Amino acid sequence: MSLVSFLEQHLLTCPSKVLFHMDCPGCGMQRSFICLLKGDLSGSLEMHPATIPMIGLILFAALHLVFKFSKGAKVIIIFQFIVAFITISFYIYKIANHKICT
């Protein structure tokens, strides 16, 4: 079994979808990551546009732990604001287009 098929068969359930029958701001990120693993960049961006910056944030933070970049903490904070801005903007877009209810 490949990693992609394993991930597709074992997606985590969103508590917000179960309890409130609506997406949370992070809904779609797992499917977006799977699209990236398949090489589908446009599908990934459509599912959740903050996935790629989030991966960049995680990778940079891991590298910063090892190499202690001089301005690493500031870059991480900037990355966090970018990811938060994209996530909130995408959620507002989904609300405005009635795409948050299951």
PDB file of N, CA and C in Angstrom:
ATOM      1  N   MET A   1       0.844  -1.173   0.000  1.00  0.00           N
ATOM      2  CA  MET A   1       0.000   0.000   0.000  1.00  0.00           C
ATOM      3  C   MET A   1       0.893   1.243   0.000  1.00  0.00           C
ATOM      4  N   SER A   2       0.592   2.175  -0.868  1.00  0.00           N
ATOM      5  CA  SER A   2       1.399   3.396  -0.949  1.00  0.00           C
ATOM      6  C   SER A   2       0.974   4.384   0.143  1.00  0.00           C
ATOM      7  N   LEU A   3       1.848   5.354   0.395  1.00  0.00           N
ATOM      8  CA  LEU A   3       1.561   6.376   1.400  1.00  0.00           C
ATOM      9  C   LEU A   3       0.300   7.149   1.052  1.00  0.00           C
ATOM     10  N   VAL A   4       0.142   7.500  -0.217  1.00  0.00           N
ATOM     11  CA  VAL A   4      -1.021   8.278  -0.639  1.00  0.00           C
ATOM     12  C   VAL A   4      -2.313   7.503  -0.396  1.00  0.00           C
ATOM     13  N   SER A   5      -2.346   6.242  -0.800  1.00  0.00           N
ATOM     14  CA  SER A   5      -3.571   5.463  -0.596  1.00  0.00           C
ATOM     15  C   SER A   5      -3.830   5.240   0.895  1.00  0.00           C
ATOM     16  N   PHE A   6      -2.771   5.066   1.676  1.00  0.00           N
ATOM     17  CA  PHE A   6      -2.940   4.929   3.127  1.00  0.00           C
ATOM     18  C   PHE A   6      -3.569   6.197   3.707  1.00  0.00           C
ATOM     19  N   LEU A   7      -3.034   7.363   3.320  1.00  0.00           N
ATOM     20  CA  LEU A   7      -3.577   8.623   3.825  1.00  0.00           C
ATOM     21  C   LEU A   7      -5.015   8.844   3.373  1.00  0.00           C
ATOM     22  N   GLU A   8      -5.327   8.482   2.142  1.00  0.00           N
ATOM     23  CA  GLU A   8      -6.695   8.637   1.639  1.00  0.00           C
ATOM     24  C   GLU A   8      -7.677   7.778   2.417  1.00  0.00           C
ATOM     25  N   GLN A   9      -7.245   6.621   2.854  1.00  0.00           N
ATOM     26  CA  GLN A   9      -8.126   5.711   3.586  1.00  0.00           C
ATOM     27  C   GLN A   9      -8.198   6.027   5.079  1.00  0.00           C
ATOM     28  N   HIS A  10      -7.306   6.876   5.583  1.00  0.00           N
ATOM     29  CA  HIS A  10      -7.262   7.157   7.013  1.00  0.00           C
ATOM     30  C   HIS A  10      -7.326   8.657   7.313  1.00  0.00           C
ATOM     31  N   LEU A  11      -8.204   9.367   6.632  1.00  0.00           N
ATOM     32  CA  LEU A  11      -8.363  10.789   6.896  1.00  0.00           C
ATOM     33  C   LEU A  11      -8.967  10.990   8.286  1.00  0.00           C
ATOM     34  N   LEU A  12      -8.469  11.997   8.983  1.00  0.00           N
ATOM     35  CA  LEU A  12      -9.022  12.320  10.295  1.00  0.00           C
ATOM     36  C   LEU A  12     -10.371  13.005  10.124  1.00  0.00           C
ATOM     37  N   THR A  13     -11.291  12.739  11.040  1.00  0.00           N
ATOM     38  CA  THR A  13     -12.617  13.352  10.995  1.00  0.00           C
ATOM     39  C   THR A  13     -12.576  14.693  11.707  1.00  0.00           C
ATOM     40  N   CYS A  14     -13.156  15.700  11.097  1.00  0.00           N
ATOM     41  CA  CYS A  14     -13.196  17.036  11.687  1.00  0.00           C
ATOM     42  C   CYS A  14     -14.304  17.086  12.743  1.00  0.00           C
ATOM     43  N   PRO A  15     -13.978  17.429  13.989  1.00  0.00           N
ATOM     44  CA  PRO A  15     -15.011  17.524  15.025  1.00  0.00           C
ATOM     45  C   PRO A  15     -16.074  18.572  14.699  1.00  0.00           C
ATOM     46  N   SER A  16     -15.669  19.648  14.039  1.00  0.00           N
ATOM     47  CA  SER A  16     -16.634  20.690  13.668  1.00  0.00           C
ATOM     48  C   SER A  16     -17.677  20.146  12.687  1.00  0.00           C
ATOM     49  N   LYS A  17     -17.245  19.321  11.739  1.00  0.00           N
ATOM     50  CA  LYS A  17     -18.192  18.726  10.790  1.00  0.00           C
ATOM     51  C   LYS A  17     -19.137  17.761  11.483  1.00  0.00           C
ATOM     52  N   VAL A  18     -18.595  17.004  12.436  1.00  0.00           N
ATOM     53  CA  VAL A  18     -19.417  16.027  13.146  1.00  0.00           C
ATOM     54  C   VAL A  18     -20.426  16.723  14.052  1.00  0.00           C
ATOM     55  N   LEU A  19     -19.970  17.706  14.828  1.00  0.00           N
ATOM     56  CA  LEU A  19     -20.841  18.344  15.817  1.00  0.00           C
ATOM     57  C   LEU A  19     -21.748  19.418  15.238  1.00  0.00           C
ATOM     58  N   PHE A  20     -21.211  20.236  14.324  1.00  0.00           N
ATOM     59  CA  PHE A  20     -21.959  21.397  13.841  1.00  0.00           C
ATOM     60  C   PHE A  20     -22.350  21.313  12.373  1.00  0.00           C
ATOM     61  N   HIS A  21     -21.921  20.265  11.689  1.00  0.00           N
ATOM     62  CA  HIS A  21     -22.216  20.054  10.265  1.00  0.00           C
ATOM     63  C   HIS A  21     -21.732  21.214   9.394  1.00  0.00           C
ATOM     64  N   MET A  22     -20.575  21.763   9.765  1.00  0.00           N
ATOM     65  CA  MET A  22     -19.975  22.807   8.951  1.00  0.00           C
ATOM     66  C   MET A  22     -18.450  22.717   9.055  1.00  0.00           C
ATOM     67  N   ASP A  23     -17.769  23.206   8.017  1.00  0.00           N
ATOM     68  CA  ASP A  23     -16.310  23.165   7.973  1.00  0.00           C
ATOM     69  C   ASP A  23     -15.697  24.071   9.030  1.00  0.00           C
ATOM     70  N   CYS A  24     -14.526  23.687   9.489  1.00  0.00           N
ATOM     71  CA  CYS A  24     -13.717  24.572  10.331  1.00  0.00           C
ATOM     72  C   CYS A  24     -12.719  25.271   9.397  1.00  0.00           C
ATOM     73  N   PRO A  25     -11.970  26.258   9.873  1.00  0.00           N
ATOM     74  CA  PRO A  25     -11.016  26.936   8.996  1.00  0.00           C
ATOM     75  C   PRO A  25      -9.929  26.022   8.418  1.00  0.00           C
ATOM     76  N   GLY A  26      -9.645  24.897   9.054  1.00  0.00           N
ATOM     77  CA  GLY A  26      -8.612  23.993   8.565  1.00  0.00           C
ATOM     78  C   GLY A  26      -9.125  22.878   7.679  1.00  0.00           C
ATOM     79  N   CYS A  27     -10.437  22.788   7.511  1.00  0.00           N
ATOM     80  CA  CYS A  27     -10.998  21.708   6.693  1.00  0.00           C
ATOM     81  C   CYS A  27     -10.477  21.793   5.262  1.00  0.00           C
ATOM     82  N   GLY A  28     -10.067  20.658   4.758  1.00  0.00           N
ATOM     83  CA  GLY A  28      -9.533  20.571   3.407  1.00  0.00           C
ATOM     84  C   GLY A  28      -8.024  20.472   3.376  1.00  0.00           C
ATOM     85  N   MET A  29      -7.367  20.711   4.514  1.00  0.00           N
ATOM     86  CA  MET A  29      -5.910  20.711   4.524  1.00  0.00           C
ATOM     87  C   MET A  29      -5.341  19.299   4.302  1.00  0.00           C
ATOM     88  N   GLN A  30      -5.984  18.279   4.865  1.00  0.00           N
ATOM     89  CA  GLN A  30      -5.511  16.912   4.638  1.00  0.00           C
ATOM     90  C   GLN A  30      -5.627  16.537   3.165  1.00  0.00           C
ATOM     91  N   ARG A  31      -6.776  16.825   2.579  1.00  0.00           N
ATOM     92  CA  ARG A  31      -6.979  16.513   1.162  1.00  0.00           C
ATOM     93  C   ARG A  31      -6.048  17.335   0.284  1.00  0.00           C
ATOM     94  N   SER A  32      -5.768  18.572   0.689  1.00  0.00           N
ATOM     95  CA  SER A  32      -4.827  19.425  -0.039  1.00  0.00           C
ATOM     96  C   SER A  32      -3.428  18.818  -0.019  1.00  0.00           C
ATOM     97  N   PHE A  33      -3.007  18.296   1.126  1.00  0.00           N
ATOM     98  CA  PHE A  33      -1.703  17.664   1.253  1.00  0.00           C
ATOM     99  C   PHE A  33      -1.620  16.415   0.380  1.00  0.00           C
ATOM    100  N   ILE A  34      -2.704  15.646   0.342  1.00  0.00           N
ATOM    101  CA  ILE A  34      -2.740  14.449  -0.505  1.00  0.00           C
ATOM    102  C   ILE A  34      -2.630  14.833  -1.974  1.00  0.00           C
ATOM    103  N   CYS A  35      -3.306  15.907  -2.372  1.00  0.00           N
ATOM    104  CA  CYS A  35      -3.180  16.392  -3.755  1.00  0.00           C
ATOM    105  C   CYS A  35      -1.731  16.767  -4.066  1.00  0.00           C
ATOM    106  N   LEU A  36      -1.060  17.403  -3.108  1.00  0.00           N
ATOM    107  CA  LEU A  36       0.359  17.744  -3.308  1.00  0.00           C
ATOM    108  C   LEU A  36       1.202  16.496  -3.494  1.00  0.00           C
ATOM    109  N   LEU A  37       0.944  15.473  -2.686  1.00  0.00           N
ATOM    110  CA  LEU A  37       1.708  14.229  -2.814  1.00  0.00           C
ATOM    111  C   LEU A  37       1.479  13.574  -4.175  1.00  0.00           C
ATOM    112  N   LYS A  38       0.294  13.774  -4.745  1.00  0.00           N
ATOM    113  CA  LYS A  38      -0.018  13.232  -6.070  1.00  0.00           C
ATOM    114  C   LYS A  38       0.543  14.102  -7.187  1.00  0.00           C
ATOM    115  N   GLY A  39       1.039  15.298  -6.835  1.00  0.00           N
ATOM    116  CA  GLY A  39       1.576  16.204  -7.842  1.00  0.00           C
ATOM    117  C   GLY A  39       0.538  17.147  -8.426  1.00  0.00           C
ATOM    118  N   ASP A  40      -0.629  17.233  -7.814  1.00  0.00           N
ATOM    119  CA  ASP A  40      -1.727  18.075  -8.295  1.00  0.00           C
ATOM    120  C   ASP A  40      -1.704  19.413  -7.557  1.00  0.00           C
ATOM    121  N   LEU A  41      -0.899  20.351  -8.037  1.00  0.00           N
ATOM    122  CA  LEU A  41      -0.746  21.642  -7.377  1.00  0.00           C
ATOM    123  C   LEU A  41      -2.044  22.449  -7.388  1.00  0.00           C
ATOM    124  N   SER A  42      -2.735  22.490  -8.519  1.00  0.00           N
ATOM    125  CA  SER A  42      -3.964  23.278  -8.591  1.00  0.00           C
ATOM    126  C   SER A  42      -5.048  22.681  -7.690  1.00  0.00           C
ATOM    127  N   GLY A  43      -5.126  21.367  -7.627  1.00  0.00           N
ATOM    128  CA  GLY A  43      -6.090  20.719  -6.731  1.00  0.00           C
ATOM    129  C   GLY A  43      -5.772  21.015  -5.280  1.00  0.00           C
ATOM    130  N   SER A  44      -4.483  21.041  -4.961  1.00  0.00           N
ATOM    131  CA  SER A  44      -4.063  21.354  -3.604  1.00  0.00           C
ATOM    132  C   SER A  44      -4.463  22.773  -3.221  1.00  0.00           C
ATOM    133  N   LEU A  45      -4.203  23.717  -4.111  1.00  0.00           N
ATOM    134  CA  LEU A  45      -4.566  25.112  -3.832  1.00  0.00           C
ATOM    135  C   LEU A  45      -6.078  25.292  -3.733  1.00  0.00           C
ATOM    136  N   GLU A  46      -6.818  24.526  -4.506  1.00  0.00           N
ATOM    137  CA  GLU A  46      -8.281  24.614  -4.462  1.00  0.00           C
ATOM    138  C   GLU A  46      -8.828  24.055  -3.147  1.00  0.00           C
ATOM    139  N   MET A  47      -8.238  22.969  -2.671  1.00  0.00           N
ATOM    140  CA  MET A  47      -8.702  22.349  -1.425  1.00  0.00           C
ATOM    141  C   MET A  47      -8.414  23.248  -0.221  1.00  0.00           C
ATOM    142  N   HIS A  48      -7.187  23.770  -0.145  1.00  0.00           N
ATOM    143  CA  HIS A  48      -6.813  24.677   0.947  1.00  0.00           C
ATOM    144  C   HIS A  48      -5.516  25.391   0.574  1.00  0.00           C
ATOM    145  N   PRO A  49      -5.590  26.682   0.271  1.00  0.00           N
ATOM    146  CA  PRO A  49      -4.407  27.409  -0.211  1.00  0.00           C
ATOM    147  C   PRO A  49      -3.318  27.630   0.841  1.00  0.00           C
ATOM    148  N   ALA A  50      -3.594  27.371   2.111  1.00  0.00           N
ATOM    149  CA  ALA A  50      -2.574  27.594   3.141  1.00  0.00           C
ATOM    150  C   ALA A  50      -1.682  26.378   3.365  1.00  0.00           C
ATOM    151  N   THR A  51      -1.931  25.281   2.679  1.00  0.00           N
ATOM    152  CA  THR A  51      -1.155  24.066   2.909  1.00  0.00           C
ATOM    153  C   THR A  51       0.319  24.252   2.546  1.00  0.00           C
ATOM    154  N   ILE A  52       0.587  24.832   1.406  1.00  0.00           N
ATOM    155  CA  ILE A  52       1.976  24.998   0.966  1.00  0.00           C
ATOM    156  C   ILE A  52       2.744  25.947   1.894  1.00  0.00           C
ATOM    157  N   PRO A  53       2.186  27.119   2.255  1.00  0.00           N
ATOM    158  CA  PRO A  53       2.898  27.950   3.234  1.00  0.00           C
ATOM    159  C   PRO A  53       3.052  27.262   4.597  1.00  0.00           C
ATOM    160  N   MET A  54       2.081  26.445   4.985  1.00  0.00           N
ATOM    161  CA  MET A  54       2.172  25.714   6.253  1.00  0.00           C
ATOM    162  C   MET A  54       3.332  24.714   6.212  1.00  0.00           C
ATOM    163  N   ILE A  55       3.482  24.028   5.100  1.00  0.00           N
ATOM    164  CA  ILE A  55       4.604  23.097   4.949  1.00  0.00           C
ATOM    165  C   ILE A  55       5.928  23.866   4.993  1.00  0.00           C
ATOM    166  N   GLY A  56       5.959  25.020   4.331  1.00  0.00           N
ATOM    167  CA  GLY A  56       7.157  25.864   4.380  1.00  0.00           C
ATOM    168  C   GLY A  56       7.478  26.302   5.801  1.00  0.00           C
ATOM    169  N   LEU A  57       6.458  26.667   6.559  1.00  0.00           N
ATOM    170  CA  LEU A  57       6.644  27.065   7.953  1.00  0.00           C
ATOM    171  C   LEU A  57       7.215  25.923   8.780  1.00  0.00           C
ATOM    172  N   ILE A  58       6.663  24.737   8.627  1.00  0.00           N
ATOM    173  CA  ILE A  58       7.137  23.578   9.389  1.00  0.00           C
ATOM    174  C   ILE A  58       8.584  23.244   9.026  1.00  0.00           C
ATOM    175  N   LEU A  59       8.883  23.250   7.729  1.00  0.00           N
ATOM    176  CA  LEU A  59      10.252  22.948   7.300  1.00  0.00           C
ATOM    177  C   LEU A  59      11.252  23.984   7.799  1.00  0.00           C
ATOM    178  N   PHE A  60      10.893  25.265   7.688  1.00  0.00           N
ATOM    179  CA  PHE A  60      11.799  26.315   8.143  1.00  0.00           C
ATOM    180  C   PHE A  60      11.995  26.239   9.654  1.00  0.00           C
ATOM    181  N   ALA A  61      10.919  25.984  10.406  1.00  0.00           N
ATOM    182  CA  ALA A  61      11.035  25.883  11.866  1.00  0.00           C
ATOM    183  C   ALA A  61      11.943  24.715  12.253  1.00  0.00           C
ATOM    184  N   ALA A  62      11.809  23.594  11.546  1.00  0.00           N
ATOM    185  CA  ALA A  62      12.674  22.443  11.823  1.00  0.00           C
ATOM    186  C   ALA A  62      14.137  22.775  11.525  1.00  0.00           C
ATOM    187  N   LEU A  63      14.377  23.445  10.408  1.00  0.00           N
ATOM    188  CA  LEU A  63      15.749  23.845  10.066  1.00  0.00           C
ATOM    189  C   LEU A  63      16.306  24.852  11.075  1.00  0.00           C
ATOM    190  N   HIS A  64      15.433  25.744  11.533  1.00  0.00           N
ATOM    191  CA  HIS A  64      15.856  26.744  12.519  1.00  0.00           C
ATOM    192  C   HIS A  64      16.262  26.074  13.835  1.00  0.00           C
ATOM    193  N   LEU A  65      15.571  25.015  14.217  1.00  0.00           N
ATOM    194  CA  LEU A  65      15.946  24.290  15.430  1.00  0.00           C
ATOM    195  C   LEU A  65      17.345  23.697  15.320  1.00  0.00           C
ATOM    196  N   VAL A  66      17.713  23.276  14.120  1.00  0.00           N
ATOM    197  CA  VAL A  66      19.020  22.653  13.916  1.00  0.00           C
ATOM    198  C   VAL A  66      20.120  23.703  13.712  1.00  0.00           C
ATOM    199  N   PHE A  67      19.863  24.683  12.845  1.00  0.00           N
ATOM    200  CA  PHE A  67      20.915  25.616  12.438  1.00  0.00           C
ATOM    201  C   PHE A  67      20.891  26.967  13.139  1.00  0.00           C
ATOM    202  N   LYS A  68      19.856  27.257  13.899  1.00  0.00           N
ATOM    203  CA  LYS A  68      19.762  28.518  14.671  1.00  0.00           C
ATOM    204  C   LYS A  68      20.037  29.757  13.816  1.00  0.00           C
ATOM    205  N   PHE A  69      19.187  29.981  12.810  1.00  0.00           N
ATOM    206  CA  PHE A  69      19.341  31.150  11.944  1.00  0.00           C
ATOM    207  C   PHE A  69      19.248  32.431  12.774  1.00  0.00           C
ATOM    208  N   SER A  70      20.005  33.455  12.395  1.00  0.00           N
ATOM    209  CA  SER A  70      20.053  34.680  13.195  1.00  0.00           C
ATOM    210  C   SER A  70      18.697  35.383  13.274  1.00  0.00           C
ATOM    211  N   LYS A  71      17.947  35.383  12.204  1.00  0.00           N
ATOM    212  CA  LYS A  71      16.628  36.029  12.208  1.00  0.00           C
ATOM    213  C   LYS A  71      15.513  34.983  12.059  1.00  0.00           C
ATOM    214  N   GLY A  72      15.805  33.765  12.429  1.00  0.00           N
ATOM    215  CA  GLY A  72      14.874  32.658  12.247  1.00  0.00           C
ATOM    216  C   GLY A  72      13.550  32.840  12.964  1.00  0.00           C
ATOM    217  N   ALA A  73      13.598  33.335  14.204  1.00  0.00           N
ATOM    218  CA  ALA A  73      12.363  33.508  14.973  1.00  0.00           C
ATOM    219  C   ALA A  73      11.436  34.526  14.300  1.00  0.00           C
ATOM    220  N   LYS A  74      12.015  35.596  13.768  1.00  0.00           N
ATOM    221  CA  LYS A  74      11.205  36.613  13.088  1.00  0.00           C
ATOM    222  C   LYS A  74      10.588  36.050  11.807  1.00  0.00           C
ATOM    223  N   VAL A  75      11.353  35.247  11.084  1.00  0.00           N
ATOM    224  CA  VAL A  75      10.830  34.631   9.861  1.00  0.00           C
ATOM    225  C   VAL A  75       9.681  33.683  10.197  1.00  0.00           C
ATOM    226  N   ILE A  76       9.823  32.938  11.278  1.00  0.00           N
ATOM    227  CA  ILE A  76       8.762  32.022  11.696  1.00  0.00           C
ATOM    228  C   ILE A  76       7.494  32.790  12.040  1.00  0.00           C
ATOM    229  N   ILE A  77       7.631  33.902  12.729  1.00  0.00           N
ATOM    230  CA  ILE A  77       6.462  34.724  13.072  1.00  0.00           C
ATOM    231  C   ILE A  77       5.795  35.252  11.804  1.00  0.00           C
ATOM    232  N   ILE A  78       6.588  35.708  10.851  1.00  0.00           N
ATOM    233  CA  ILE A  78       6.030  36.197   9.582  1.00  0.00           C
ATOM    234  C   ILE A  78       5.297  35.069   8.859  1.00  0.00           C
ATOM    235  N   PHE A  79       5.919  33.887   8.802  1.00  0.00           N
ATOM    236  CA  PHE A  79       5.273  32.718   8.199  1.00  0.00           C
ATOM    237  C   PHE A  79       3.934  32.424   8.886  1.00  0.00           C
ATOM    238  N   GLN A  80       3.902  32.511  10.218  1.00  0.00           N
ATOM    239  CA  GLN A  80       2.665  32.236  10.953  1.00  0.00           C
ATOM    240  C   GLN A  80       1.574  33.227  10.583  1.00  0.00           C
ATOM    241  N   PHE A  81       1.937  34.506  10.473  1.00  0.00           N
ATOM    242  CA  PHE A  81       0.943  35.501  10.066  1.00  0.00           C
ATOM    243  C   PHE A  81       0.440  35.241   8.652  1.00  0.00           C
ATOM    244  N   ILE A  82       1.326  34.857   7.763  1.00  0.00           N
ATOM    245  CA  ILE A  82       0.919  34.559   6.383  1.00  0.00           C
ATOM    246  C   ILE A  82      -0.047  33.381   6.351  1.00  0.00           C
ATOM    247  N   VAL A  83       0.299  32.313   7.061  1.00  0.00           N
ATOM    248  CA  VAL A  83      -0.571  31.133   7.097  1.00  0.00           C
ATOM    249  C   VAL A  83      -1.919  31.488   7.717  1.00  0.00           C
ATOM    250  N   ALA A  84      -1.917  32.242   8.811  1.00  0.00           N
ATOM    251  CA  ALA A  84      -3.170  32.643   9.455  1.00  0.00           C
ATOM    252  C   ALA A  84      -4.007  33.520   8.535  1.00  0.00           C
ATOM    253  N   PHE A  85      -3.367  34.467   7.857  1.00  0.00           N
ATOM    254  CA  PHE A  85      -4.089  35.349   6.947  1.00  0.00           C
ATOM    255  C   PHE A  85      -4.737  34.561   5.811  1.00  0.00           C
ATOM    256  N   ILE A  86      -3.982  33.656   5.211  1.00  0.00           N
ATOM    257  CA  ILE A  86      -4.526  32.847   4.116  1.00  0.00           C
ATOM    258  C   ILE A  86      -5.673  31.973   4.615  1.00  0.00           C
ATOM    259  N   THR A  87      -5.499  31.353   5.777  1.00  0.00           N
ATOM    260  CA  THR A  87      -6.537  30.481   6.329  1.00  0.00           C
ATOM    261  C   THR A  87      -7.811  31.249   6.616  1.00  0.00           C
ATOM    262  N   ILE A  88      -7.694  32.402   7.252  1.00  0.00           N
ATOM    263  CA  ILE A  88      -8.875  33.211   7.573  1.00  0.00           C
ATOM    264  C   ILE A  88      -9.519  33.742   6.298  1.00  0.00           C
ATOM    265  N   SER A  89      -8.718  34.196   5.358  1.00  0.00           N
ATOM    266  CA  SER A  89      -9.262  34.708   4.089  1.00  0.00           C
ATOM    267  C   SER A  89     -10.009  33.609   3.335  1.00  0.00           C
ATOM    268  N   PHE A  90      -9.438  32.415   3.300  1.00  0.00           N
ATOM    269  CA  PHE A  90     -10.075  31.295   2.610  1.00  0.00           C
ATOM    270  C   PHE A  90     -11.378  30.909   3.302  1.00  0.00           C
ATOM    271  N   TYR A  91     -11.400  30.946   4.630  1.00  0.00           N
ATOM    272  CA  TYR A  91     -12.621  30.611   5.366  1.00  0.00           C
ATOM    273  C   TYR A  91     -13.714  31.652   5.099  1.00  0.00           C
ATOM    274  N   ILE A  92     -13.339  32.922   5.072  1.00  0.00           N
ATOM    275  CA  ILE A  92     -14.311  33.977   4.752  1.00  0.00           C
ATOM    276  C   ILE A  92     -14.842  33.780   3.335  1.00  0.00           C
ATOM    277  N   TYR A  93     -13.950  33.427   2.406  1.00  0.00           N
ATOM    278  CA  TYR A  93     -14.374  33.139   1.029  1.00  0.00           C
ATOM    279  C   TYR A  93     -15.390  31.994   1.009  1.00  0.00           C
ATOM    280  N   LYS A  94     -15.114  30.930   1.767  1.00  0.00           N
ATOM    281  CA  LYS A  94     -16.037  29.788   1.803  1.00  0.00           C
ATOM    282  C   LYS A  94     -17.372  30.184   2.421  1.00  0.00           C
ATOM    283  N   ILE A  95     -17.349  31.031   3.446  1.00  0.00           N
ATOM    284  CA  ILE A  95     -18.599  31.492   4.050  1.00  0.00           C
ATOM    285  C   ILE A  95     -19.388  32.327   3.052  1.00  0.00           C
ATOM    286  N   ALA A  96     -18.716  33.246   2.385  1.00  0.00           N
ATOM    287  CA  ALA A  96     -19.379  34.132   1.416  1.00  0.00           C
ATOM    288  C   ALA A  96     -19.980  33.362   0.258  1.00  0.00           C
ATOM    289  N   ASN A  97     -19.376  32.226  -0.100  1.00  0.00           N
ATOM    290  CA  ASN A  97     -19.876  31.426  -1.219  1.00  0.00           C
ATOM    291  C   ASN A  97     -20.665  30.200  -0.771  1.00  0.00           C
ATOM    292  N   HIS A  98     -21.069  30.217   0.492  1.00  0.00           N
ATOM    293  CA  HIS A  98     -21.904  29.136   1.043  1.00  0.00           C
ATOM    294  C   HIS A  98     -21.303  27.762   0.836  1.00  0.00           C
ATOM    295  N   LYS A  99     -20.015  27.627   1.108  1.00  0.00           N
ATOM    296  CA  LYS A  99     -19.324  26.348   0.906  1.00  0.00           C
ATOM    297  C   LYS A  99     -18.851  25.739   2.226  1.00  0.00           C
ATOM    298  N   ILE A 100     -19.408  26.162   3.368  1.00  0.00           N
ATOM    299  CA  ILE A 100     -18.926  25.615   4.634  1.00  0.00           C
ATOM    300  C   ILE A 100     -19.861  24.554   5.223  1.00  0.00           C
ATOM    301  N   CYS A 101     -21.047  24.434   4.711  1.00  0.00           N
ATOM    302  CA  CYS A 101     -21.981  23.457   5.275  1.00  0.00           C
ATOM    303  C   CYS A 101     -21.867  22.137   4.515  1.00  0.00           C
ATOM    304  N   THR A 102     -21.996  21.040   5.268  1.00  0.00           N
ATOM    305  CA  THR A 102     -21.893  19.721   4.647  1.00  0.00           C
ATOM    306  C   THR A 102     -23.253  19.239   4.217  1.00  0.00           C
TER     307      THR A 102
END
